[in-house]
Amino acid sequence: MTLLLSCKQFLTELNAYLDEETSAEERSQLQSHINECPNCWVVVDTTQKTMRVYKGAEPQAVPQDVSERLMAALRRKMADKRGGC
C-alpha cells in the first residue's frame, strides 16, 4: 500500500528528488504524487527546465559597480548586526 504524500511533504523532498538522491521506493512515492498533483507537477517541470537552462549557460562576470555596491551593502548589514548585540 502506497501512502499519499501531502504537497508540503513532497516539497520537502524536492531537492533530493531532482538530484536523484532518493531510494527507489521514495522516488516511486514522489513520482506518484507528481502524477496526481498538477501543482507539484508544474513545480517539478519548471524547476527541471530552469536547471537545464542554468547548466547550459556560460558564467558571467559581475560588473565592478554591482560588486562594489553588493560588498558595501554586506558590510553595512554586518555592522548593523554587530551593533545590535
N, C-alpha and C. Protein backbone atom coordinates (compact mmCIF):
# COMPACT_ATOMS: atom_id res chain seq x y z
N MET A 1 0.85 -1.19 0.00
CA MET A 1 0.00 0.00 0.00
C MET A 1 0.89 1.25 0.00
N THR A 2 0.66 2.15 -0.94
CA THR A 2 1.44 3.38 -1.06
C THR A 2 0.74 4.50 -0.31
N LEU A 3 1.47 5.15 0.56
CA LEU A 3 0.92 6.29 1.27
C LEU A 3 0.98 7.52 0.38
N LEU A 4 -0.09 8.29 0.39
CA LEU A 4 -0.10 9.52 -0.39
C LEU A 4 0.61 10.62 0.39
N LEU A 5 1.45 11.35 -0.32
CA LEU A 5 2.18 12.46 0.29
C LEU A 5 1.37 13.74 0.18
N SER A 6 1.55 14.62 1.14
CA SER A 6 0.98 15.96 1.02
C SER A 6 1.93 16.78 0.15
N CYS A 7 1.46 17.89 -0.35
CA CYS A 7 2.32 18.77 -1.14
C CYS A 7 3.49 19.27 -0.29
N LYS A 8 3.23 19.55 0.97
CA LYS A 8 4.30 20.01 1.87
C LYS A 8 5.38 18.94 2.00
N GLN A 9 4.99 17.69 2.17
CA GLN A 9 5.95 16.60 2.27
C GLN A 9 6.74 16.46 0.96
N PHE A 10 6.01 16.57 -0.14
CA PHE A 10 6.67 16.47 -1.44
C PHE A 10 7.71 17.56 -1.61
N LEU A 11 7.34 18.79 -1.30
CA LEU A 11 8.27 19.91 -1.48
C LEU A 11 9.49 19.79 -0.57
N THR A 12 9.31 19.17 0.59
CA THR A 12 10.43 18.93 1.50
C THR A 12 11.47 18.02 0.84
N GLU A 13 11.01 17.10 0.00
CA GLU A 13 11.88 16.12 -0.65
C GLU A 13 12.26 16.50 -2.08
N LEU A 14 11.83 17.68 -2.54
CA LEU A 14 12.02 18.06 -3.94
C LEU A 14 13.50 18.06 -4.35
N ASN A 15 14.36 18.66 -3.55
CA ASN A 15 15.78 18.71 -3.92
C ASN A 15 16.37 17.31 -4.06
N ALA A 16 16.08 16.45 -3.12
CA ALA A 16 16.60 15.07 -3.19
C ALA A 16 16.05 14.37 -4.43
N TYR A 17 14.79 14.61 -4.75
CA TYR A 17 14.19 14.01 -5.94
C TYR A 17 14.89 14.50 -7.20
N LEU A 18 15.08 15.80 -7.32
CA LEU A 18 15.71 16.37 -8.51
C LEU A 18 17.17 15.95 -8.64
N ASP A 19 17.84 15.79 -7.51
CA ASP A 19 19.25 15.38 -7.51
C ASP A 19 19.41 13.86 -7.58
N GLU A 20 18.28 13.16 -7.66
CA GLU A 20 18.25 11.70 -7.73
C GLU A 20 18.98 11.06 -6.54
N GLU A 21 18.70 11.60 -5.35
CA GLU A 21 19.31 11.11 -4.12
C GLU A 21 18.31 10.34 -3.24
N THR A 22 17.22 9.91 -3.83
CA THR A 22 16.20 9.19 -3.08
C THR A 22 16.29 7.70 -3.40
N SER A 23 15.79 6.89 -2.49
CA SER A 23 15.72 5.45 -2.75
C SER A 23 14.67 5.20 -3.83
N ALA A 24 14.68 4.01 -4.37
CA ALA A 24 13.70 3.65 -5.40
C ALA A 24 12.28 3.78 -4.87
N GLU A 25 12.08 3.35 -3.62
CA GLU A 25 10.74 3.44 -3.01
C GLU A 25 10.30 4.89 -2.84
N GLU A 26 11.21 5.73 -2.32
CA GLU A 26 10.88 7.16 -2.13
C GLU A 26 10.60 7.81 -3.48
N ARG A 27 11.43 7.51 -4.47
CA ARG A 27 11.26 8.10 -5.79
C ARG A 27 9.91 7.70 -6.37
N SER A 28 9.51 6.46 -6.17
CA SER A 28 8.22 5.99 -6.65
C SER A 28 7.07 6.76 -5.99
N GLN A 29 7.17 6.97 -4.67
CA GLN A 29 6.13 7.74 -3.96
C GLN A 29 6.09 9.18 -4.46
N LEU A 30 7.26 9.78 -4.65
CA LEU A 30 7.31 11.16 -5.12
C LEU A 30 6.76 11.26 -6.54
N GLN A 31 7.10 10.30 -7.38
CA GLN A 31 6.60 10.30 -8.76
C GLN A 31 5.09 10.11 -8.78
N SER A 32 4.57 9.28 -7.90
CA SER A 32 3.11 9.10 -7.81
C SER A 32 2.43 10.41 -7.44
N HIS A 33 3.04 11.15 -6.51
CA HIS A 33 2.47 12.44 -6.12
C HIS A 33 2.47 13.40 -7.31
N ILE A 34 3.58 13.44 -8.04
CA ILE A 34 3.67 14.33 -9.21
C ILE A 34 2.59 13.96 -10.23
N ASN A 35 2.38 12.69 -10.43
CA ASN A 35 1.39 12.24 -11.41
C ASN A 35 -0.04 12.62 -11.01
N GLU A 36 -0.29 12.74 -9.71
CA GLU A 36 -1.63 13.04 -9.22
C GLU A 36 -1.87 14.52 -8.91
N CYS A 37 -0.81 15.29 -8.76
CA CYS A 37 -0.95 16.68 -8.31
C CYS A 37 -0.45 17.65 -9.39
N PRO A 38 -1.36 18.33 -10.06
CA PRO A 38 -0.95 19.24 -11.13
C PRO A 38 -0.06 20.39 -10.63
N ASN A 39 -0.29 20.85 -9.42
CA ASN A 39 0.53 21.96 -8.91
C ASN A 39 1.98 21.52 -8.70
N CYS A 40 2.19 20.37 -8.11
CA CYS A 40 3.55 19.88 -7.89
C CYS A 40 4.20 19.49 -9.21
N TRP A 41 3.40 19.00 -10.16
CA TRP A 41 3.95 18.69 -11.48
C TRP A 41 4.53 19.95 -12.11
N VAL A 42 3.81 21.06 -12.01
CA VAL A 42 4.30 22.32 -12.57
C VAL A 42 5.59 22.75 -11.88
N VAL A 43 5.65 22.60 -10.56
CA VAL A 43 6.87 22.96 -9.82
C VAL A 43 8.05 22.14 -10.33
N VAL A 44 7.88 20.84 -10.45
CA VAL A 44 8.96 19.96 -10.91
C VAL A 44 9.35 20.30 -12.35
N ASP A 45 8.37 20.43 -13.22
CA ASP A 45 8.64 20.71 -14.62
C ASP A 45 9.39 22.04 -14.79
N THR A 46 8.91 23.07 -14.12
CA THR A 46 9.54 24.38 -14.22
C THR A 46 10.95 24.36 -13.64
N THR A 47 11.12 23.70 -12.51
CA THR A 47 12.44 23.63 -11.89
C THR A 47 13.42 22.87 -12.77
N GLN A 48 12.99 21.76 -13.35
CA GLN A 48 13.86 21.00 -14.24
C GLN A 48 14.25 21.81 -15.46
N LYS A 49 13.31 22.54 -16.04
CA LYS A 49 13.62 23.39 -17.20
C LYS A 49 14.60 24.49 -16.81
N THR A 50 14.39 25.10 -15.66
CA THR A 50 15.29 26.15 -15.18
C THR A 50 16.70 25.60 -14.98
N MET A 51 16.79 24.41 -14.40
CA MET A 51 18.10 23.79 -14.18
C MET A 51 18.82 23.52 -15.50
N ARG A 52 18.08 23.07 -16.53
CA ARG A 52 18.69 22.82 -17.84
C ARG A 52 19.23 24.11 -18.44
N VAL A 53 18.47 25.19 -18.34
CA VAL A 53 18.91 26.48 -18.86
C VAL A 53 20.14 26.95 -18.10
N TYR A 54 20.09 26.87 -16.79
CA TYR A 54 21.20 27.33 -15.94
C TYR A 54 22.47 26.54 -16.24
N LYS A 55 22.35 25.22 -16.34
CA LYS A 55 23.53 24.38 -16.59
C LYS A 55 24.14 24.65 -17.95
N GLY A 56 23.33 25.09 -18.90
CA GLY A 56 23.83 25.37 -20.25
C GLY A 56 24.37 26.78 -20.42
N ALA A 57 24.24 27.60 -19.41
CA ALA A 57 24.66 29.00 -19.51
C ALA A 57 26.15 29.14 -19.20
N GLU A 58 26.77 30.09 -19.84
CA GLU A 58 28.17 30.42 -19.57
C GLU A 58 28.24 31.34 -18.36
N PRO A 59 29.22 31.13 -17.51
CA PRO A 59 29.38 32.04 -16.35
C PRO A 59 29.61 33.47 -16.82
N GLN A 60 29.04 34.40 -16.10
CA GLN A 60 29.18 35.82 -16.42
C GLN A 60 29.84 36.53 -15.25
N ALA A 61 30.74 37.43 -15.57
CA ALA A 61 31.39 38.22 -14.52
C ALA A 61 30.40 39.25 -13.98
N VAL A 62 30.47 39.51 -12.68
CA VAL A 62 29.64 40.54 -12.07
C VAL A 62 30.31 41.88 -12.38
N PRO A 63 29.57 42.86 -12.92
CA PRO A 63 30.16 44.16 -13.19
C PRO A 63 30.75 44.78 -11.92
N GLN A 64 31.85 45.50 -12.07
CA GLN A 64 32.57 46.06 -10.93
C GLN A 64 31.67 46.93 -10.06
N ASP A 65 30.83 47.79 -10.65
CA ASP A 65 29.98 48.67 -9.84
C ASP A 65 28.96 47.86 -9.05
N VAL A 66 28.45 46.79 -9.61
CA VAL A 66 27.49 45.94 -8.90
C VAL A 66 28.21 45.24 -7.74
N SER A 67 29.40 44.75 -8.01
CA SER A 67 30.19 44.08 -6.97
C SER A 67 30.48 45.04 -5.81
N GLU A 68 30.86 46.26 -6.13
CA GLU A 68 31.16 47.24 -5.08
C GLU A 68 29.93 47.57 -4.25
N ARG A 69 28.78 47.74 -4.91
CA ARG A 69 27.54 48.05 -4.18
C ARG A 69 27.13 46.87 -3.30
N LEU A 70 27.28 45.67 -3.82
CA LEU A 70 26.93 44.48 -3.05
C LEU A 70 27.82 44.36 -1.81
N MET A 71 29.11 44.53 -1.99
CA MET A 71 30.03 44.43 -0.86
C MET A 71 29.75 45.52 0.18
N ALA A 72 29.44 46.73 -0.26
CA ALA A 72 29.11 47.82 0.66
C ALA A 72 27.84 47.49 1.45
N ALA A 73 26.84 46.93 0.77
CA ALA A 73 25.60 46.56 1.44
C ALA A 73 25.86 45.45 2.46
N LEU A 74 26.69 44.50 2.12
CA LEU A 74 27.02 43.42 3.06
C LEU A 74 27.77 43.96 4.27
N ARG A 75 28.70 44.89 4.04
CA ARG A 75 29.43 45.49 5.18
C ARG A 75 28.47 46.24 6.11
N ARG A 76 27.52 46.98 5.52
CA ARG A 76 26.52 47.70 6.34
C ARG A 76 25.68 46.72 7.14
N LYS A 77 25.25 45.64 6.50
CA LYS A 77 24.43 44.65 7.17
C LYS A 77 25.18 44.00 8.32
N MET A 78 26.44 43.66 8.10
CA MET A 78 27.25 43.04 9.15
C MET A 78 27.48 44.03 10.30
N ALA A 79 27.70 45.30 9.97
CA ALA A 79 27.90 46.32 11.01
C ALA A 79 26.63 46.49 11.83
N ASP A 80 25.47 46.46 11.17
CA ASP A 80 24.19 46.56 11.88
C ASP A 80 24.01 45.39 12.84
N LYS A 81 24.38 44.20 12.41
CA LYS A 81 24.23 43.02 13.27
C LYS A 81 25.17 43.09 14.46
N ARG A 82 26.38 43.55 14.25
CA ARG A 82 27.33 43.64 15.36
C ARG A 82 26.90 44.72 16.35
N GLY A 83 26.32 45.79 15.86
CA GLY A 83 25.88 46.89 16.73
C GLY A 83 24.65 46.55 17.54
N GLY A 84 23.87 45.56 17.08
CA GLY A 84 22.64 45.21 17.76
C GLY A 84 22.80 44.20 18.88
N CYS A 85 24.01 43.67 19.09
CA CYS A 85 24.23 42.64 20.12
C CYS A 85 24.30 43.22 21.50
